[in-house]
C-alpha atoms as a PDB file:
ATOM      1  CA  MET A   1       7.650   9.938   1.761  1.00  0.00           C
ATOM      2  CA  ARG A   2       5.705   7.293   3.650  1.00  0.00           C
ATOM      3  CA  ARG A   3       5.198   7.860   7.355  1.00  0.00           C
ATOM      4  CA  VAL A   4       3.383   5.728   9.897  1.00  0.00           C
ATOM      5  CA  ALA A   5       3.598   7.218  13.361  1.00  0.00           C
ATOM      6  CA  GLY A   6       1.718   6.822  16.598  1.00  0.00           C
ATOM      7  CA  LEU A   7      -0.023   3.623  15.548  1.00  0.00           C
ATOM      8  CA  PRO A   8      -0.477   0.758  18.024  1.00  0.00           C
ATOM      9  CA  LEU A   9       1.795  -2.235  17.724  1.00  0.00           C
ATOM     10  CA  VAL A  10      -0.804  -4.382  15.976  1.00  0.00           C
ATOM     11  CA  ALA A  11      -1.189  -1.781  13.256  1.00  0.00           C
ATOM     12  CA  LEU A  12       2.533  -1.449  12.752  1.00  0.00           C
ATOM     13  CA  LEU A  13       3.484  -5.095  12.774  1.00  0.00           C
ATOM     14  CA  ALA A  14       0.538  -7.063  11.461  1.00  0.00           C
ATOM     15  CA  LEU A  15      -1.258  -5.217   8.673  1.00  0.00           C
ATOM     16  CA  GLN A  16      -2.383  -7.790   6.168  1.00  0.00           C
ATOM     17  CA  SER A  17      -3.219  -7.319   2.500  1.00  0.00           C
ATOM     18  CA  THR A  18      -6.848  -6.830   3.517  1.00  0.00           C
ATOM     19  CA  GLY A  19      -5.857  -3.791   5.531  1.00  0.00           C
ATOM     20  CA  HIS A  20      -7.086  -5.368   8.788  1.00  0.00           C
ATOM     21  CA  ALA A  21      -4.771  -5.478  11.802  1.00  0.00           C
ATOM     22  CA  GLN A  22      -4.269  -8.735  13.637  1.00  0.00           C
ATOM     23  CA  THR A  23      -2.573  -9.501  16.929  1.00  0.00           C
ATOM     24  CA  PRO A  24       1.169  -9.988  16.312  1.00  0.00           C
ATOM     25  CA  PRO A  25       2.809 -13.245  17.409  1.00  0.00           C
ATOM     26  CA  ARG A  26       4.323 -13.345  20.893  1.00  0.00           C
ATOM     27  CA  PHE A  27       7.094 -15.302  22.580  1.00  0.00           C
ATOM     28  CA  GLU A  28       5.974 -18.070  24.927  1.00  0.00           C
ATOM     29  CA  VAL A  29       8.460 -16.799  27.512  1.00  0.00           C
ATOM     30  CA  ALA A  30      10.965 -13.949  27.245  1.00  0.00           C
ATOM     31  CA  SER A  31      13.371 -12.419  29.731  1.00  0.00           C
ATOM     32  CA  LEU A  32      15.705  -9.443  29.771  1.00  0.00           C
ATOM     33  CA  LYS A  33      18.085  -8.802  32.622  1.00  0.00           C
ATOM     34  CA  GLU A  34      21.192  -6.727  33.173  1.00  0.00           C
ATOM     35  CA  ARG A  35      24.255  -8.626  32.046  1.00  0.00           C
ATOM     36  CA  ASP A  36      26.408 -10.119  34.808  1.00  0.00           C
ATOM     37  CA  ARG A  37      29.998  -8.958  34.391  1.00  0.00           C
ATOM     38  CA  ASN A  38      31.189 -12.073  36.251  1.00  0.00           C
ATOM     39  CA  VAL A  39      29.952 -14.254  33.393  1.00  0.00           C
ATOM     40  CA  PRO A  40      32.465 -14.412  30.496  1.00  0.00           C
ATOM     41  CA  LEU A  41      31.186 -12.827  27.303  1.00  0.00           C
ATOM     42  CA  GLY A  42      31.595 -15.870  25.072  1.00  0.00           C
ATOM     43  CA  LEU A  43      29.735 -15.578  21.776  1.00  0.00           C
ATOM     44  CA  VAL A  44      28.402 -12.086  21.104  1.00  0.00           C
ATOM     45  CA  GLY A  45      25.289 -11.703  18.970  1.00  0.00           C
ATOM     46  CA  MET A  46      21.963 -13.442  18.587  1.00  0.00           C
ATOM     47  CA  GLN A  47      22.086 -17.228  18.769  1.00  0.00           C
ATOM     48  CA  SER A  48      19.074 -18.842  17.123  1.00  0.00           C
ATOM     49  CA  THR A  49      18.091 -22.468  17.614  1.00  0.00           C
ATOM     50  CA  PRO A  50      14.696 -24.143  16.985  1.00  0.00           C
ATOM     51  CA  GLY A  51      12.324 -22.631  19.525  1.00  0.00           C
ATOM     52  CA  ARG A  52      14.839 -20.343  21.178  1.00  0.00           C
ATOM     53  CA  LEU A  53      16.691 -17.034  20.855  1.00  0.00           C
ATOM     54  CA  ILE A  54      19.607 -16.107  23.120  1.00  0.00           C
ATOM     55  CA  ASN A  55      21.817 -13.021  23.189  1.00  0.00           C
ATOM     56  CA  ARG A  56      24.119 -12.959  26.212  1.00  0.00           C
ATOM     57  CA  CYS A  57      25.287  -9.396  25.568  1.00  0.00           C
ATOM     58  CA  ALA A  58      22.370  -7.642  23.921  1.00  0.00           C
ATOM     59  CA  THR A  59      22.042  -3.923  23.345  1.00  0.00           C
ATOM     60  CA  LEU A  60      18.947  -2.188  22.084  1.00  0.00           C
ATOM     61  CA  THR A  61      20.777  -1.586  18.810  1.00  0.00           C
ATOM     62  CA  SER A  62      21.651  -5.259  18.317  1.00  0.00           C
ATOM     63  CA  LEU A  63      18.098  -6.318  19.148  1.00  0.00           C
ATOM     64  CA  VAL A  64      16.632  -3.789  16.703  1.00  0.00           C
ATOM     65  CA  TYR A  65      18.989  -4.940  13.945  1.00  0.00           C
ATOM     66  CA  TYR A  66      17.918  -8.550  14.446  1.00  0.00           C
ATOM     67  CA  ALA A  67      14.214  -7.841  14.892  1.00  0.00           C
ATOM     68  CA  PHE A  68      13.959  -5.769  11.714  1.00  0.00           C
ATOM     69  CA  ARG A  69      16.495  -7.794   9.723  1.00  0.00           C
ATOM     70  CA  LEU A  70      18.725  -4.750   9.220  1.00  0.00           C
ATOM     71  CA  THR A  71      22.238  -4.763   7.780  1.00  0.00           C
ATOM     72  CA  SER A  72      25.074  -2.257   7.692  1.00  0.00           C
ATOM     73  CA  ALA A  73      23.516  -0.962   4.472  1.00  0.00           C
ATOM     74  CA  THR A  74      20.101  -0.296   6.041  1.00  0.00           C
ATOM     75  CA  PRO A  75      19.580   3.322   7.116  1.00  0.00           C
ATOM     76  CA  LEU A  76      18.558   3.564  10.773  1.00  0.00           C
ATOM     77  CA  GLU A  77      18.234   6.728  12.819  1.00  0.00           C
ATOM     78  CA  GLY A  78      16.862   7.957  16.103  1.00  0.00           C
ATOM     79  CA  LEU A  79      18.301   5.432  18.556  1.00  0.00           C
ATOM     80  CA  PRO A  80      19.624   7.049  21.768  1.00  0.00           C
ATOM     81  CA  GLY A  81      23.330   6.898  22.517  1.00  0.00           C
ATOM     82  CA  TRP A  82      22.905   4.386  25.337  1.00  0.00           C
ATOM     83  CA  ALA A  83      21.397   1.905  22.875  1.00  0.00           C
ATOM     84  CA  ASN A  84      24.806   1.142  21.390  1.00  0.00           C
ATOM     85  CA  THR A  85      26.943   0.611  24.494  1.00  0.00           C
ATOM     86  CA  PRO A  86      29.747  -1.773  23.487  1.00  0.00           C
ATOM     87  CA  CYS A  87      29.962  -5.131  25.218  1.00  0.00           C
ATOM     88  CA  SER A  88      32.986  -5.522  27.474  1.00  0.00           C
ATOM     89  CA  ASP A  89      34.005  -7.455  30.558  1.00  0.00           C
ATOM     90  CA  ALA A  90      34.441  -4.211  32.519  1.00  0.00           C
ATOM     91  CA  GLU A  91      31.070  -2.539  31.894  1.00  0.00           C
ATOM     92  CA  THR A  92      27.512  -3.838  31.989  1.00  0.00           C
ATOM     93  CA  ALA A  93      25.406  -0.665  31.858  1.00  0.00           C
ATOM     94  CA  ASN A  94      22.808  -0.812  29.078  1.00  0.00           C
ATOM     95  CA  THR A  95      23.832  -4.329  28.056  1.00  0.00           C
ATOM     96  CA  TYR A  96      21.526  -7.223  28.757  1.00  0.00           C
ATOM     97  CA  GLU A  97      21.087 -10.955  28.700  1.00  0.00           C
ATOM     98  CA  PHE A  98      18.102 -11.747  26.505  1.00  0.00           C
ATOM     99  CA  GLN A  99      16.408 -15.133  26.212  1.00  0.00           C
ATOM    100  CA  ALA A 100      13.124 -16.123  24.593  1.00  0.00           C
ATOM    101  CA  THR A 101      11.294 -19.330  23.743  1.00  0.00           C
ATOM    102  CA  MET A 102       8.671 -20.077  21.091  1.00  0.00           C
ATOM    103  CA  PRO A 103       7.303 -23.180  19.346  1.00  0.00           C
ATOM    104  CA  ALA A 104      10.119 -25.120  17.673  1.00  0.00           C
ATOM    105  CA  GLY A 105       8.585 -24.790  14.211  1.00  0.00           C
ATOM    106  CA  THR A 106       8.174 -21.010  14.352  1.00  0.00           C
ATOM    107  CA  PRO A 107       9.185 -19.411  11.016  1.00  0.00           C
ATOM    108  CA  ASP A 108      12.119 -17.024  11.211  1.00  0.00           C
ATOM    109  CA  ASP A 109       9.969 -14.062  10.137  1.00  0.00           C
ATOM    110  CA  ASP A 110       7.518 -14.734  12.975  1.00  0.00           C
ATOM    111  CA  GLY A 111      10.365 -14.946  15.483  1.00  0.00           C
ATOM    112  CA  ARG A 112      11.514 -11.494  14.410  1.00  0.00           C
ATOM    113  CA  LEU A 113       7.983 -10.125  14.712  1.00  0.00           C
ATOM    114  CA  MET A 114       7.871 -11.546  18.236  1.00  0.00           C
ATOM    115  CA  LEU A 115      11.069  -9.677  19.032  1.00  0.00           C
ATOM    116  CA  GLN A 116       9.606  -6.467  17.605  1.00  0.00           C
ATOM    117  CA  ALA A 117       6.598  -6.876  19.907  1.00  0.00           C
ATOM    118  CA  PHE A 118       8.945  -7.508  22.828  1.00  0.00           C
ATOM    119  CA  LEU A 119      10.889  -4.313  22.079  1.00  0.00           C
ATOM    120  CA  VAL A 120       7.681  -2.286  21.990  1.00  0.00           C
ATOM    121  CA  GLU A 121       6.682  -3.693  25.384  1.00  0.00           C
ATOM    122  CA  ARG A 122       9.995  -3.568  27.214  1.00  0.00           C
ATOM    123  CA  PHE A 123      11.767  -0.599  25.631  1.00  0.00           C
ATOM    124  CA  LYS A 124       8.573   1.356  24.794  1.00  0.00           C
ATOM    125  CA  LEU A 125       9.892   1.388  21.246  1.00  0.00           C
ATOM    126  CA  ALA A 126       8.008   3.537  18.744  1.00  0.00           C
ATOM    127  CA  PHE A 127       9.063   3.752  15.127  1.00  0.00           C
ATOM    128  CA  HIS A 128       8.038   4.571  11.603  1.00  0.00           C
ATOM    129  CA  ARG A 129       9.444   4.064   8.131  1.00  0.00           C
ATOM    130  CA  GLU A 130      10.208   6.742   5.570  1.00  0.00           C
ATOM    131  CA  THR A 131      11.213   6.448   1.937  1.00  0.00           C
ATOM    132  CA  ARG A 132      13.992   8.885   1.022  1.00  0.00           C
ATOM    133  CA  LYS A 133      16.257   9.617  -1.916  1.00  0.00           C
ATOM    134  CA  LEU A 134      19.713   8.512  -0.757  1.00  0.00           C
ATOM    135  CA  PRO A 135      23.074   7.537  -2.250  1.00  0.00           C
ATOM    136  CA  VAL A 136      23.035   3.956  -3.514  1.00  0.00           C
ATOM    137  CA  TYR A 137      24.956   1.738  -5.885  1.00  0.00           C
ATOM    138  CA  ALA A 138      23.274   0.586  -9.070  1.00  0.00           C
ATOM    139  CA  LEU A 139      24.160  -2.981 -10.073  1.00  0.00           C
ATOM    140  CA  VAL A 140      24.462  -2.935 -13.875  1.00  0.00           C
ATOM    141  CA  VAL A 141      25.856  -5.107 -16.652  1.00  0.00           C
ATOM    142  CA  ALA A 142      29.400  -4.039 -17.556  1.00  0.00           C
ATOM    143  CA  SER A 143      30.234  -2.788 -21.032  1.00  0.00           C
ATOM    144  CA  SER A 144      32.108  -6.055 -21.651  1.00  0.00           C
ATOM    145  CA  GLY A 145      28.826  -7.981 -21.272  1.00  0.00           C
ATOM    146  CA  PHE A 146      27.403 -10.365 -18.697  1.00  0.00           C
ATOM    147  CA  LYS A 147      29.524 -13.489 -18.317  1.00  0.00           C
ATOM    148  CA  LEU A 148      27.264 -16.013 -16.567  1.00  0.00           C
ATOM    149  CA  LYS A 149      24.690 -18.484 -17.803  1.00  0.00           C
ATOM    150  CA  ALA A 150      21.458 -19.096 -15.941  1.00  0.00           C
ATOM    151  CA  THR A 151      21.592 -21.913 -13.364  1.00  0.00           C
ATOM    152  CA  ASP A 152      19.090 -23.844 -11.257  1.00  0.00           C
ATOM    153  CA  PRO A 153      19.587 -23.893  -7.457  1.00  0.00           C
ATOM    154  CA  LYS A 154      18.487 -27.556  -7.410  1.00  0.00           C
ATOM    155  CA  ASN A 155      21.496 -28.431  -9.569  1.00  0.00           C
ATOM    156  CA  ASP A 156      24.159 -26.527  -7.631  1.00  0.00           C
ATOM    157  CA  PRO A 157      27.183 -28.789  -7.125  1.00  0.00           C
ATOM    158  CA  PRO A 158      28.468 -29.352  -3.587  1.00  0.00           C
ATOM    159  CA  ARG A 159      31.335 -27.032  -2.769  1.00  0.00           C
ATOM    160  CA  ALA A 160      34.736 -28.674  -2.618  1.00  0.00           C
ATOM    161  CA  ARG A 161      36.292 -28.764   0.832  1.00  0.00           C
ATOM    162  CA  GLY A 162      38.376 -25.647   1.374  1.00  0.00           C
ATOM    163  CA  SER A 163      37.001 -23.898  -1.698  1.00  0.00           C
ATOM    164  CA  LEU A 164      35.731 -21.020   0.426  1.00  0.00           C
ATOM    165  CA  GLY A 165      38.950 -20.527   2.335  1.00  0.00           C
ATOM    166  CA  CYS A 166      41.208 -17.497   2.012  1.00  0.00           C
ATOM    167  CA  PRO A 167      44.696 -17.826   0.479  1.00  0.00           C
ATOM    168  CA  PRO A 168      47.721 -17.809   2.829  1.00  0.00           C
ATOM    169  CA  GLU A 169      48.717 -14.359   1.578  1.00  0.00           C
ATOM    170  CA  ASP A 170      45.337 -12.886   2.565  1.00  0.00           C
ATOM    171  CA  ARG A 171      43.806 -14.630   5.562  1.00  0.00           C
ATOM    172  CA  GLY A 172      41.381 -11.720   5.976  1.00  0.00           C
ATOM    173  CA  CYS A 173      39.870 -11.917   2.512  1.00  0.00           C
ATOM    174  CA  HIS A 174      36.147 -11.421   1.909  1.00  0.00           C
ATOM    175  CA  ILE A 175      33.872 -14.177   0.644  1.00  0.00           C
ATOM    176  CA  ILE A 176      30.315 -13.955  -0.647  1.00  0.00           C
ATOM    177  CA  ALA A 177      28.950 -17.453  -1.202  1.00  0.00           C
ATOM    178  CA  MET A 178      25.465 -17.282  -2.699  1.00  0.00           C
ATOM    179  CA  GLY A 179      25.191 -20.280  -4.981  1.00  0.00           C
ATOM    180  CA  SER A 180      22.417 -19.902  -7.558  1.00  0.00           C
ATOM    181  CA  SER A 181      20.645 -16.627  -6.734  1.00  0.00           C
ATOM    182  CA  ASN A 182      18.606 -14.008  -8.521  1.00  0.00           C
ATOM    183  CA  MET A 183      19.908 -10.491  -9.061  1.00  0.00           C
ATOM    184  CA  LEU A 184      17.815  -9.044  -6.252  1.00  0.00           C
ATOM    185  CA  GLN A 185      19.418 -11.480  -3.795  1.00  0.00           C
ATOM    186  CA  ILE A 186      22.876 -10.769  -5.190  1.00  0.00           C
ATOM    187  CA  ALA A 187      22.291  -7.015  -4.855  1.00  0.00           C
ATOM    188  CA  GLY A 188      21.300  -7.526  -1.219  1.00  0.00           C
ATOM    189  CA  ALA A 189      24.462  -9.501  -0.464  1.00  0.00           C
ATOM    190  CA  LEU A 190      26.602  -6.846  -2.129  1.00  0.00           C
ATOM    191  CA  ALA A 191      24.913  -4.114  -0.100  1.00  0.00           C
ATOM    192  CA  PHE A 192      25.927  -5.875   3.105  1.00  0.00           C
ATOM    193  CA  ASN A 193      29.552  -5.813   1.948  1.00  0.00           C
ATOM    194  CA  VAL A 194      29.750  -2.275   0.542  1.00  0.00           C
ATOM    195  CA  GLY A 195      27.753  -0.606   3.320  1.00  0.00           C
ATOM    196  CA  ARG A 196      25.305   1.130   0.997  1.00  0.00           C
ATOM    197  CA  PRO A 197      22.013   0.002  -0.550  1.00  0.00           C
ATOM    198  CA  VAL A 198      22.446  -1.713  -3.933  1.00  0.00           C
ATOM    199  CA  ILE A 199      19.623  -1.517  -6.476  1.00  0.00           C
ATOM    200  CA  ASP A 200      19.444  -4.132  -9.217  1.00  0.00           C
ATOM    201  CA  LYS A 201      19.356  -2.411 -12.594  1.00  0.00           C
ATOM    202  CA  THR A 202      20.676  -5.318 -14.650  1.00  0.00           C
ATOM    203  CA  GLY A 203      17.281  -6.352 -15.984  1.00  0.00           C
ATOM    204  CA  LEU A 204      18.480  -9.964 -15.833  1.00  0.00           C
ATOM    205  CA  PRO A 205      15.839 -12.611 -14.993  1.00  0.00           C
ATOM    206  CA  GLY A 206      16.515 -16.049 -13.581  1.00  0.00           C
ATOM    207  CA  THR A 207      19.225 -17.235 -11.178  1.00  0.00           C
ATOM    208  CA  TYR A 208      22.994 -17.365 -11.560  1.00  0.00           C
ATOM    209  CA  TYR A 209      25.761 -19.095  -9.617  1.00  0.00           C
ATOM    210  CA  PHE A 210      27.408 -16.349  -7.587  1.00  0.00           C
ATOM    211  CA  ASP A 211      30.380 -17.122  -5.364  1.00  0.00           C
ATOM    212  CA  VAL A 212      33.051 -14.440  -5.139  1.00  0.00           C
ATOM    213  CA  LYS A 213      36.248 -14.091  -3.155  1.00  0.00           C
ATOM    214  CA  TYR A 214      38.018 -10.731  -2.995  1.00  0.00           C
ATOM    215  CA  ALA A 215      40.908  -8.959  -1.255  1.00  0.00           C
ATOM    216  CA  GLY A 216      40.724  -8.089   2.420  1.00  0.00           C
ATOM    217  CA  ASP A 217      40.881  -4.541   3.720  1.00  0.00           C
ATOM    218  CA  THR A 218      44.355  -4.877   5.241  1.00  0.00           C
ATOM    219  CA  SER A 219      46.102  -7.008   2.604  1.00  0.00           C
ATOM    220  CA  PRO A 220      47.885  -4.732   0.092  1.00  0.00           C
ATOM    221  CA  ASN A 221      49.714  -7.727  -1.406  1.00  0.00           C
ATOM    222  CA  SER A 222      46.671  -9.947  -1.741  1.00  0.00           C
ATOM    223  CA  PRO A 223      46.598 -12.153  -4.852  1.00  0.00           C
ATOM    224  CA  LEU A 224      42.826 -11.616  -4.966  1.00  0.00           C
ATOM    225  CA  PRO A 225      41.141  -8.830  -6.929  1.00  0.00           C
ATOM    226  CA  SER A 226      39.113  -6.041  -5.369  1.00  0.00           C
ATOM    227  CA  LEU A 227      35.360  -6.513  -5.240  1.00  0.00           C
ATOM    228  CA  ILE A 228      34.948  -4.095  -8.154  1.00  0.00           C
ATOM    229  CA  GLY A 229      37.561  -6.016 -10.145  1.00  0.00           C
ATOM    230  CA  ALA A 230      36.067  -9.403  -9.333  1.00  0.00           C
ATOM    231  CA  LEU A 231      32.561  -8.318 -10.316  1.00  0.00           C
ATOM    232  CA  LYS A 232      33.737  -7.050 -13.685  1.00  0.00           C
ATOM    233  CA  GLU A 233      36.230  -9.792 -14.545  1.00  0.00           C
ATOM    234  CA  GLN A 234      34.319 -12.832 -13.326  1.00  0.00           C
ATOM    235  CA  PHE A 235      30.690 -11.823 -13.796  1.00  0.00           C
ATOM    236  CA  GLY A 236      30.540  -8.852 -16.148  1.00  0.00           C
ATOM    237  CA  LEU A 237      28.872  -6.672 -13.506  1.00  0.00           C
ATOM    238  CA  GLU A 238      29.536  -3.178 -12.185  1.00  0.00           C
ATOM    239  CA  LEU A 239      28.517  -1.079  -9.195  1.00  0.00           C
ATOM    240  CA  LYS A 240      27.876   2.517 -10.178  1.00  0.00           C
ATOM    241  CA  PRO A 241      27.187   5.374  -7.711  1.00  0.00           C
ATOM    242  CA  ASP A 242      23.587   6.520  -8.018  1.00  0.00           C
ATOM    243  CA  THR A 243      20.671   7.833  -5.977  1.00  0.00           C
ATOM    244  CA  GLY A 244      17.501   5.926  -5.334  1.00  0.00           C
ATOM    245  CA  ALA A 245      14.455   5.465  -3.118  1.00  0.00           C
ATOM    246  CA  VAL A 246      15.559   3.823   0.136  1.00  0.00           C
ATOM    247  CA  GLU A 247      13.420   2.833   3.103  1.00  0.00           C
ATOM    248  CA  VAL A 248      14.715   4.280   6.382  1.00  0.00           C
ATOM    249  CA  LEU A 249      13.718   2.943   9.801  1.00  0.00           C
ATOM    250  CA  VAL A 250      13.270   5.885  12.177  1.00  0.00           C
ATOM    251  CA  ILE A 251      13.081   5.324  15.935  1.00  0.00           C
ATOM    252  CA  ASP A 252      10.690   7.859  17.481  1.00  0.00           C
ATOM    253  CA  ARG A 253      11.022   6.740  21.096  1.00  0.00           C
ATOM    254  CA  ALA A 254      13.008   4.274  23.195  1.00  0.00           C
ATOM    255  CA  GLU A 255      13.262   4.004  26.966  1.00  0.00           C
ATOM    256  CA  LYS A 256      15.599   2.052  29.194  1.00  0.00           C
ATOM    257  CA  PRO A 257      13.799  -1.113  30.307  1.00  0.00           C
ATOM    258  CA  LEU A 258      13.156  -2.438  33.759  1.00  0.00           C
ATOM    259  CA  PRO A 259      14.844  -5.886  33.619  1.00  0.00           C
ATOM    260  CA  ASN A 260      12.860  -8.913  34.743  1.00  0.00           C
END
């Protein structure tokens, strides 16, 4: 188990390979204020444009997920109940309007580090990471054999118009459109869709063209296969229940902010 607790922000966010801490990047300007219920919700979630981040109905949970690049498959624990207040037109408690600016060419990773620093300052966020043995899926080659040939992302053909649409019989189908990707990237995309970490155990090097369309959750008469069926039939892959080492983000402290 790896635990880092009680360290200052610079030690948590900016340890370099040399082991020396450096000052983490900061937003040029950032604001957080209680959401105005008289303003229609509109788009919910983080909106990212060059030099700017906006979330018009932010919760601490949504900000943490964005800042640490978490998905539904990433274990997270320790957030207080108020951190996940749902956005609605009737209630504004613990939901905020967040806006921040930074140089237009700021890399995405730096923007997320800036948000982590902001959360430490405004929500008094303290956290550590632990590695635990947890249920996972192992991505393996099916007994029928792998069915794809290696591809080069530079040679991916443009997708035909409408090729990623759902059939009329299953408008709520699921689509994973990866193009040419390595198995680690494919495992990550699958984890997002199955809600559990996926560990690549295929042993396959290189990149492969991976676009898959499978049946929606509420379409019993869908003409599309299940995800398990599609993986096996189209790619020669399987997801097998397993246990593995998974990094867990643990929130040690979070306080309600004073909006500015």
